[in-house]
Amino acid sequence: MTLFGVVFDKLRKINVLLTGDYNNIAIKAYQERLPVLCVGNLNKVDDVLMLNNLLPFELDNI
């Protein structure tokens, strides 16, 4: 899936590979237009940002 996040003070597209429960959370967030909170290792490969090794991936409680 593709998320939008702030990287070095700019809004950027970030690709994330989700499985299992994380995929269900992402679907709910998309359907209900809810923000998500996720932390991981951000890598750039061929001008594409990838977020790997997600620790939490959850709905953000604003």
Protein backbone atom coordinates (compact mmCIF):
# COMPACT_ATOMS: atom_id res chain seq x y z
CA MET A 1 0.00 0.00 0.00
CA THR A 2 1.05 3.60 -0.37
CA LEU A 3 0.92 6.05 2.53
CA PHE A 4 1.60 9.75 2.59
CA GLY A 5 3.98 10.98 5.26
CA VAL A 6 6.28 13.86 6.04
CA VAL A 7 9.94 13.13 5.29
CA PHE A 8 12.46 15.95 5.71
CA ASP A 9 9.64 18.52 5.94
CA LYS A 10 7.99 17.41 2.66
CA LEU A 11 4.89 15.29 2.10
CA ARG A 12 5.97 12.13 0.27
CA LYS A 13 4.55 8.82 -0.91
CA ILE A 14 5.84 5.88 1.13
CA ASN A 15 5.32 2.26 0.09
CA VAL A 16 4.57 -0.26 2.84
CA LEU A 17 4.08 -4.03 2.56
CA LEU A 18 1.34 -5.11 4.97
CA THR A 19 0.23 -8.59 6.00
CA GLY A 20 -2.32 -10.12 8.36
CA ASP A 21 -3.85 -7.83 10.95
CA TYR A 22 -1.98 -4.80 9.61
CA ASN A 23 -3.79 -5.23 6.30
CA ASN A 24 -7.17 -5.25 8.10
CA ILE A 25 -6.24 -2.07 9.99
CA ALA A 26 -5.25 -0.38 6.72
CA ILE A 27 -8.57 -1.32 5.10
CA LYS A 28 -10.53 0.08 8.05
CA ALA A 29 -8.46 3.29 8.03
CA TYR A 30 -9.06 3.73 4.31
CA GLN A 31 -12.81 3.07 4.51
CA GLU A 32 -13.33 5.37 7.49
CA ARG A 33 -10.70 7.95 6.47
CA LEU A 34 -8.77 7.51 9.72
CA PRO A 35 -5.07 8.31 10.18
CA VAL A 36 -2.62 5.52 11.02
CA LEU A 37 0.53 5.52 13.11
CA CYS A 38 3.48 3.40 12.04
CA VAL A 39 7.20 3.27 12.76
CA GLY A 40 9.88 1.39 10.86
CA ASN A 41 13.04 1.63 8.78
CA LEU A 42 12.70 4.06 5.87
CA ASN A 43 14.80 3.18 2.82
CA LYS A 44 15.05 4.83 -0.58
CA VAL A 45 15.54 2.53 -3.56
CA ASP A 46 15.50 3.97 -7.09
CA ASP A 47 13.60 7.12 -5.98
CA VAL A 48 10.99 5.01 -4.14
CA LEU A 49 10.61 5.27 -0.36
CA MET A 50 9.91 1.96 1.40
CA LEU A 51 9.01 1.53 5.07
CA ASN A 52 10.22 -1.85 6.38
CA ASN A 53 10.29 -3.61 9.76
CA LEU A 54 7.11 -2.03 11.06
CA LEU A 55 6.85 -2.07 14.83
CA PRO A 56 3.38 -0.70 15.46
CA PHE A 57 0.83 -0.16 12.71
CA GLU A 58 -2.32 1.11 14.34
CA LEU A 59 -5.10 3.62 14.09
CA ASP A 60 -3.95 6.98 15.41
CA ASN A 61 -5.89 8.30 18.39
CA ILE A 62 -6.00 12.01 17.65
